[in-house]
Amino acid sequence: MKIILIGIGGAIGSILRYIVSGLDYKFSYGIFPISTLVVNLSGSLAIGFLWALFEQTATSSNIRMFIFIGILGGFTTFSTFALENFNLIRDGEKNIALLNVLISTIFGILFVFIGYMLAKFLLKLLK
């Protein structure tokens, strides 16, 4: 049952990732990998928020796996992030690659923190 839940969640996350992937050419004309950045930052925000929420609620391990491993695992894209940066460096775009690594890493951690704190705040309001 766990494998099925993770697989369904992964399919959902992958489909959402595909939908977001069109942002690159629409907004940056393929110069900056914006869709990967959006996916990774929103995934960071979601995982921080949900982690804090699940700390305060009785949530089954199946639901946690479905969301964290399945949906968010299928949605976020570290391997794509690594490949895009490799290609930027290979193509001589070292500054863009460095900017992407810095923004993704710093803001990814920051978004986890913001999501976590937002959930804690909302939980206090609801009590």
N, C-alpha and C. Protein backbone atom coordinates (compact mmCIF):
# COMPACT_ATOMS: atom_id res chain seq x y z
N MET A 1 0.83 -1.21 0.00
CA MET A 1 0.00 0.00 0.00
C MET A 1 0.87 1.26 0.00
N LYS A 2 1.97 1.24 0.77
CA LYS A 2 2.85 2.41 0.83
C LYS A 2 3.45 2.74 -0.54
N ILE A 3 3.87 1.71 -1.24
CA ILE A 3 4.46 1.91 -2.57
C ILE A 3 3.44 2.54 -3.52
N ILE A 4 2.22 2.09 -3.44
CA ILE A 4 1.16 2.63 -4.30
C ILE A 4 0.91 4.10 -3.98
N LEU A 5 0.83 4.43 -2.69
CA LEU A 5 0.61 5.83 -2.28
C LEU A 5 1.76 6.72 -2.75
N ILE A 6 2.98 6.25 -2.58
CA ILE A 6 4.13 7.03 -3.02
C ILE A 6 4.11 7.19 -4.54
N GLY A 7 3.76 6.13 -5.26
CA GLY A 7 3.69 6.19 -6.72
C GLY A 7 2.63 7.17 -7.20
N ILE A 8 1.46 7.14 -6.59
CA ILE A 8 0.39 8.08 -6.96
C ILE A 8 0.82 9.51 -6.65
N GLY A 9 1.40 9.70 -5.46
CA GLY A 9 1.89 11.03 -5.09
C GLY A 9 2.97 11.51 -6.05
N GLY A 10 3.88 10.61 -6.42
CA GLY A 10 4.94 10.97 -7.38
C GLY A 10 4.38 11.37 -8.73
N ALA A 11 3.34 10.67 -9.16
CA ALA A 11 2.70 11.03 -10.43
C ALA A 11 2.08 12.42 -10.35
N ILE A 12 1.41 12.70 -9.24
CA ILE A 12 0.81 14.03 -9.05
C ILE A 12 1.88 15.10 -9.06
N GLY A 13 2.96 14.88 -8.29
CA GLY A 13 4.05 15.85 -8.24
C GLY A 13 4.71 16.05 -9.59
N SER A 14 4.90 14.97 -10.33
CA SER A 14 5.53 15.06 -11.65
C SER A 14 4.66 15.84 -12.63
N ILE A 15 3.37 15.62 -12.57
CA ILE A 15 2.45 16.36 -13.45
C ILE A 15 2.47 17.85 -13.09
N LEU A 16 2.47 18.16 -11.81
CA LEU A 16 2.56 19.56 -11.39
C LEU A 16 3.88 20.18 -11.86
N ARG A 17 4.95 19.41 -11.77
CA ARG A 17 6.27 19.88 -12.22
C ARG A 17 6.24 20.18 -13.71
N TYR A 18 5.61 19.32 -14.48
CA TYR A 18 5.50 19.51 -15.92
C TYR A 18 4.73 20.80 -16.25
N ILE A 19 3.68 21.04 -15.51
CA ILE A 19 2.87 22.25 -15.73
C ILE A 19 3.70 23.50 -15.50
N VAL A 20 4.51 23.49 -14.43
CA VAL A 20 5.34 24.65 -14.10
C VAL A 20 6.50 24.82 -15.08
N SER A 21 6.92 23.73 -15.73
CA SER A 21 8.12 23.78 -16.58
C SER A 21 7.99 24.75 -17.75
N GLY A 22 6.80 25.13 -18.12
CA GLY A 22 6.61 26.08 -19.21
C GLY A 22 7.01 27.50 -18.87
N LEU A 23 7.30 27.76 -17.62
CA LEU A 23 7.67 29.12 -17.21
C LEU A 23 8.99 29.59 -17.81
N ASP A 24 9.94 28.67 -18.02
CA ASP A 24 11.26 29.06 -18.50
C ASP A 24 11.21 29.92 -19.74
N TYR A 25 10.56 29.43 -20.74
CA TYR A 25 10.56 30.14 -22.01
C TYR A 25 9.56 31.28 -22.04
N LYS A 26 8.53 31.17 -21.22
CA LYS A 26 7.53 32.23 -21.18
C LYS A 26 8.08 33.49 -20.51
N PHE A 27 8.89 33.31 -19.45
CA PHE A 27 9.33 34.46 -18.67
C PHE A 27 10.81 34.77 -18.80
N SER A 28 11.65 33.80 -19.15
CA SER A 28 13.08 34.10 -19.22
C SER A 28 13.68 33.71 -20.56
N TYR A 29 12.86 33.27 -21.49
CA TYR A 29 13.31 32.91 -22.84
C TYR A 29 14.44 31.88 -22.81
N GLY A 30 14.43 31.02 -21.79
CA GLY A 30 15.41 29.95 -21.70
C GLY A 30 16.77 30.38 -21.18
N ILE A 31 16.93 31.64 -20.77
CA ILE A 31 18.22 32.13 -20.29
C ILE A 31 18.48 31.68 -18.85
N PHE A 32 17.47 31.75 -18.02
CA PHE A 32 17.59 31.38 -16.60
C PHE A 32 16.57 30.29 -16.31
N PRO A 33 16.97 29.22 -15.62
CA PRO A 33 16.05 28.11 -15.35
C PRO A 33 15.03 28.45 -14.27
N ILE A 34 14.12 29.34 -14.59
CA ILE A 34 13.17 29.85 -13.60
C ILE A 34 12.18 28.79 -13.12
N SER A 35 11.77 27.87 -13.99
CA SER A 35 10.79 26.87 -13.56
C SER A 35 11.37 25.96 -12.49
N THR A 36 12.63 25.57 -12.62
CA THR A 36 13.26 24.75 -11.59
C THR A 36 13.37 25.52 -10.29
N LEU A 37 13.70 26.79 -10.38
CA LEU A 37 13.77 27.63 -9.19
C LEU A 37 12.41 27.73 -8.52
N VAL A 38 11.36 27.98 -9.30
CA VAL A 38 10.00 28.08 -8.74
C VAL A 38 9.59 26.76 -8.09
N VAL A 39 9.86 25.66 -8.76
CA VAL A 39 9.50 24.34 -8.23
C VAL A 39 10.25 24.09 -6.91
N ASN A 40 11.54 24.32 -6.91
CA ASN A 40 12.31 24.01 -5.71
C ASN A 40 11.97 24.94 -4.55
N LEU A 41 11.73 26.22 -4.82
CA LEU A 41 11.38 27.15 -3.74
C LEU A 41 9.97 26.89 -3.22
N SER A 42 9.02 26.65 -4.12
CA SER A 42 7.66 26.37 -3.63
C SER A 42 7.62 25.02 -2.92
N GLY A 43 8.40 24.06 -3.39
CA GLY A 43 8.51 22.78 -2.70
C GLY A 43 9.13 22.94 -1.32
N SER A 44 10.11 23.82 -1.21
CA SER A 44 10.73 24.11 0.09
C SER A 44 9.73 24.76 1.03
N LEU A 45 8.97 25.70 0.52
CA LEU A 45 7.94 26.36 1.33
C LEU A 45 6.91 25.33 1.80
N ALA A 46 6.47 24.49 0.89
CA ALA A 46 5.45 23.49 1.23
C ALA A 46 5.96 22.49 2.26
N ILE A 47 7.20 22.03 2.11
CA ILE A 47 7.70 21.03 3.04
C ILE A 47 7.90 21.62 4.43
N GLY A 48 8.34 22.88 4.50
CA GLY A 48 8.46 23.53 5.80
C GLY A 48 7.12 23.71 6.47
N PHE A 49 6.15 24.17 5.70
CA PHE A 49 4.79 24.40 6.21
C PHE A 49 4.18 23.08 6.70
N LEU A 50 4.24 22.08 5.86
CA LEU A 50 3.62 20.80 6.21
C LEU A 50 4.34 20.10 7.36
N TRP A 51 5.66 20.23 7.43
CA TRP A 51 6.40 19.63 8.54
C TRP A 51 5.93 20.20 9.87
N ALA A 52 5.80 21.52 9.93
CA ALA A 52 5.32 22.15 11.17
C ALA A 52 3.89 21.75 11.46
N LEU A 53 3.06 21.68 10.45
CA LEU A 53 1.67 21.28 10.63
C LEU A 53 1.57 19.85 11.14
N PHE A 54 2.35 18.97 10.55
CA PHE A 54 2.29 17.56 10.93
C PHE A 54 2.89 17.30 12.31
N GLU A 55 3.77 18.19 12.77
CA GLU A 55 4.30 18.06 14.13
C GLU A 55 3.20 18.26 15.17
N GLN A 56 2.19 19.04 14.80
CA GLN A 56 1.13 19.40 15.74
C GLN A 56 -0.14 18.58 15.56
N THR A 57 -0.19 17.75 14.55
CA THR A 57 -1.40 16.99 14.29
C THR A 57 -1.07 15.50 14.18
N ALA A 58 -2.04 14.70 14.46
CA ALA A 58 -1.87 13.26 14.30
C ALA A 58 -2.08 12.91 12.83
N THR A 59 -1.01 12.75 12.11
CA THR A 59 -1.08 12.44 10.68
C THR A 59 -0.42 11.09 10.46
N SER A 60 -1.08 10.22 9.75
CA SER A 60 -0.55 8.87 9.54
C SER A 60 0.75 8.91 8.74
N SER A 61 1.55 7.89 8.94
CA SER A 61 2.80 7.80 8.19
C SER A 61 2.53 7.63 6.70
N ASN A 62 1.40 7.01 6.35
CA ASN A 62 1.06 6.86 4.93
C ASN A 62 0.79 8.21 4.27
N ILE A 63 0.09 9.08 4.96
CA ILE A 63 -0.18 10.44 4.43
C ILE A 63 1.13 11.21 4.32
N ARG A 64 1.96 11.11 5.33
CA ARG A 64 3.26 11.81 5.28
C ARG A 64 4.10 11.33 4.11
N MET A 65 4.17 10.01 3.90
CA MET A 65 4.94 9.47 2.78
C MET A 65 4.32 9.89 1.44
N PHE A 66 3.00 9.85 1.36
CA PHE A 66 2.31 10.26 0.14
C PHE A 66 2.69 11.69 -0.24
N ILE A 67 2.72 12.58 0.75
CA ILE A 67 3.02 13.99 0.48
C ILE A 67 4.51 14.25 0.33
N PHE A 68 5.31 13.85 1.34
CA PHE A 68 6.74 14.20 1.34
C PHE A 68 7.54 13.44 0.29
N ILE A 69 7.38 12.13 0.25
CA ILE A 69 8.16 11.33 -0.70
C ILE A 69 7.49 11.33 -2.07
N GLY A 70 6.17 11.17 -2.09
CA GLY A 70 5.45 11.10 -3.36
C GLY A 70 5.31 12.44 -4.05
N ILE A 71 4.39 13.27 -3.55
CA ILE A 71 4.10 14.53 -4.24
C ILE A 71 5.31 15.45 -4.30
N LEU A 72 5.90 15.76 -3.14
CA LEU A 72 7.02 16.71 -3.15
C LEU A 72 8.27 16.10 -3.79
N GLY A 73 8.45 14.78 -3.64
CA GLY A 73 9.58 14.12 -4.31
C GLY A 73 9.44 14.15 -5.82
N GLY A 74 8.22 13.98 -6.32
CA GLY A 74 7.98 14.06 -7.76
C GLY A 74 8.00 15.49 -8.28
N PHE A 75 7.67 16.43 -7.40
CA PHE A 75 7.57 17.83 -7.81
C PHE A 75 8.92 18.54 -7.83
N THR A 76 9.71 18.40 -6.78
CA THR A 76 10.99 19.09 -6.73
C THR A 76 12.01 18.38 -7.61
N THR A 77 13.05 19.08 -7.96
CA THR A 77 13.86 18.63 -9.08
C THR A 77 15.36 18.85 -8.89
N PHE A 78 15.93 18.25 -7.88
CA PHE A 78 17.35 18.50 -7.66
C PHE A 78 18.20 18.01 -8.82
N SER A 79 17.87 16.87 -9.39
CA SER A 79 18.68 16.37 -10.50
C SER A 79 18.59 17.30 -11.72
N THR A 80 17.42 17.84 -11.98
CA THR A 80 17.28 18.82 -13.06
C THR A 80 18.07 20.08 -12.74
N PHE A 81 18.00 20.52 -11.50
CA PHE A 81 18.76 21.67 -11.02
C PHE A 81 20.26 21.46 -11.29
N ALA A 82 20.78 20.29 -10.94
CA ALA A 82 22.19 20.00 -11.14
C ALA A 82 22.55 19.99 -12.63
N LEU A 83 21.71 19.37 -13.44
CA LEU A 83 21.97 19.30 -14.88
C LEU A 83 21.94 20.69 -15.52
N GLU A 84 20.97 21.50 -15.14
CA GLU A 84 20.88 22.85 -15.70
C GLU A 84 22.12 23.67 -15.34
N ASN A 85 22.59 23.53 -14.12
CA ASN A 85 23.80 24.27 -13.73
C ASN A 85 25.04 23.73 -14.44
N PHE A 86 25.12 22.42 -14.61
CA PHE A 86 26.20 21.84 -15.37
C PHE A 86 26.22 22.41 -16.79
N ASN A 87 25.04 22.46 -17.42
CA ASN A 87 24.96 22.98 -18.79
C ASN A 87 25.31 24.46 -18.85
N LEU A 88 24.88 25.22 -17.86
CA LEU A 88 25.24 26.64 -17.84
C LEU A 88 26.76 26.81 -17.74
N ILE A 89 27.39 26.05 -16.86
CA ILE A 89 28.85 26.14 -16.70
C ILE A 89 29.55 25.68 -17.98
N ARG A 90 29.10 24.57 -18.54
CA ARG A 90 29.67 24.05 -19.78
C ARG A 90 29.57 25.06 -20.91
N ASP A 91 28.46 25.81 -20.93
CA ASP A 91 28.24 26.80 -21.98
C ASP A 91 28.88 28.15 -21.69
N GLY A 92 29.67 28.21 -20.62
CA GLY A 92 30.39 29.44 -20.29
C GLY A 92 29.58 30.44 -19.49
N GLU A 93 28.42 30.05 -19.02
CA GLU A 93 27.54 30.94 -18.25
C GLU A 93 27.76 30.72 -16.74
N LYS A 94 29.01 30.86 -16.30
CA LYS A 94 29.36 30.58 -14.90
C LYS A 94 28.65 31.52 -13.93
N ASN A 95 28.49 32.77 -14.30
CA ASN A 95 27.82 33.72 -13.40
C ASN A 95 26.34 33.39 -13.21
N ILE A 96 25.68 33.00 -14.27
CA ILE A 96 24.26 32.62 -14.15
C ILE A 96 24.15 31.35 -13.32
N ALA A 97 25.04 30.39 -13.54
CA ALA A 97 25.03 29.16 -12.75
C ALA A 97 25.24 29.46 -11.27
N LEU A 98 26.20 30.30 -10.96
CA LEU A 98 26.47 30.66 -9.57
C LEU A 98 25.28 31.37 -8.96
N LEU A 99 24.68 32.28 -9.70
CA LEU A 99 23.49 32.98 -9.22
C LEU A 99 22.36 31.99 -8.93
N ASN A 100 22.15 31.06 -9.83
CA ASN A 100 21.11 30.05 -9.65
C ASN A 100 21.37 29.19 -8.42
N VAL A 101 22.60 28.76 -8.22
CA VAL A 101 22.95 27.94 -7.05
C VAL A 101 22.72 28.73 -5.77
N LEU A 102 23.18 29.97 -5.75
CA LEU A 102 23.02 30.79 -4.54
C LEU A 102 21.56 31.08 -4.23
N ILE A 103 20.81 31.51 -5.23
CA ILE A 103 19.39 31.83 -5.02
C ILE A 103 18.63 30.58 -4.57
N SER A 104 18.84 29.48 -5.26
CA SER A 104 18.11 28.25 -4.94
C SER A 104 18.44 27.75 -3.54
N THR A 105 19.70 27.77 -3.18
CA THR A 105 20.12 27.25 -1.88
C THR A 105 19.67 28.16 -0.75
N ILE A 106 20.01 29.43 -0.85
CA ILE A 106 19.68 30.36 0.24
C ILE A 106 18.17 30.51 0.40
N PHE A 107 17.49 30.76 -0.72
CA PHE A 107 16.05 30.96 -0.63
C PHE A 107 15.31 29.65 -0.36
N GLY A 108 15.85 28.52 -0.81
CA GLY A 108 15.24 27.23 -0.49
C GLY A 108 15.19 27.01 1.01
N ILE A 109 16.30 27.23 1.68
CA ILE A 109 16.34 27.09 3.14
C ILE A 109 15.44 28.13 3.79
N LEU A 110 15.48 29.35 3.29
CA LEU A 110 14.62 30.41 3.83
C LEU A 110 13.14 30.07 3.66
N PHE A 111 12.76 29.51 2.52
CA PHE A 111 11.36 29.16 2.29
C PHE A 111 10.91 28.02 3.19
N VAL A 112 11.80 27.06 3.48
CA VAL A 112 11.45 26.01 4.45
C VAL A 112 11.14 26.67 5.79
N PHE A 113 12.00 27.58 6.22
CA PHE A 113 11.81 28.29 7.48
C PHE A 113 10.51 29.09 7.47
N ILE A 114 10.25 29.82 6.40
CA ILE A 114 9.02 30.62 6.31
C ILE A 114 7.79 29.72 6.35
N GLY A 115 7.82 28.63 5.61
CA GLY A 115 6.69 27.70 5.62
C GLY A 115 6.46 27.12 7.00
N TYR A 116 7.54 26.76 7.67
CA TYR A 116 7.46 26.20 9.02
C TYR A 116 6.86 27.23 9.99
N MET A 117 7.37 28.44 9.95
CA MET A 117 6.90 29.49 10.86
C MET A 117 5.47 29.90 10.54
N LEU A 118 5.10 29.94 9.28
CA LEU A 118 3.74 30.26 8.88
C LEU A 118 2.76 29.24 9.44
N ALA A 119 3.10 27.97 9.34
CA ALA A 119 2.23 26.93 9.90
C ALA A 119 2.11 27.06 11.41
N LYS A 120 3.22 27.32 12.08
CA LYS A 120 3.19 27.50 13.54
C LYS A 120 2.29 28.68 13.91
N PHE A 121 2.40 29.78 13.18
CA PHE A 121 1.56 30.96 13.43
C PHE A 121 0.08 30.65 13.22
N LEU A 122 -0.23 30.00 12.12
CA LEU A 122 -1.62 29.67 11.83
C LEU A 122 -2.20 28.69 12.86
N LEU A 123 -1.37 27.75 13.30
CA LEU A 123 -1.84 26.81 14.32
C LEU A 123 -2.16 27.53 15.63
N LYS A 124 -1.36 28.54 15.98
CA LYS A 124 -1.64 29.32 17.20
C LYS A 124 -2.95 30.10 17.05
N LEU A 125 -3.20 30.63 15.87
CA LEU A 125 -4.43 31.38 15.63
C LEU A 125 -5.66 30.49 15.75
N LEU A 126 -5.52 29.25 15.34
CA LEU A 126 -6.65 28.33 15.35
C LEU A 126 -6.95 27.74 16.72
N LYS A 127 -6.03 27.88 17.65
CA LYS A 127 -6.26 27.33 19.00
C LYS A 127 -7.10 28.21 19.85
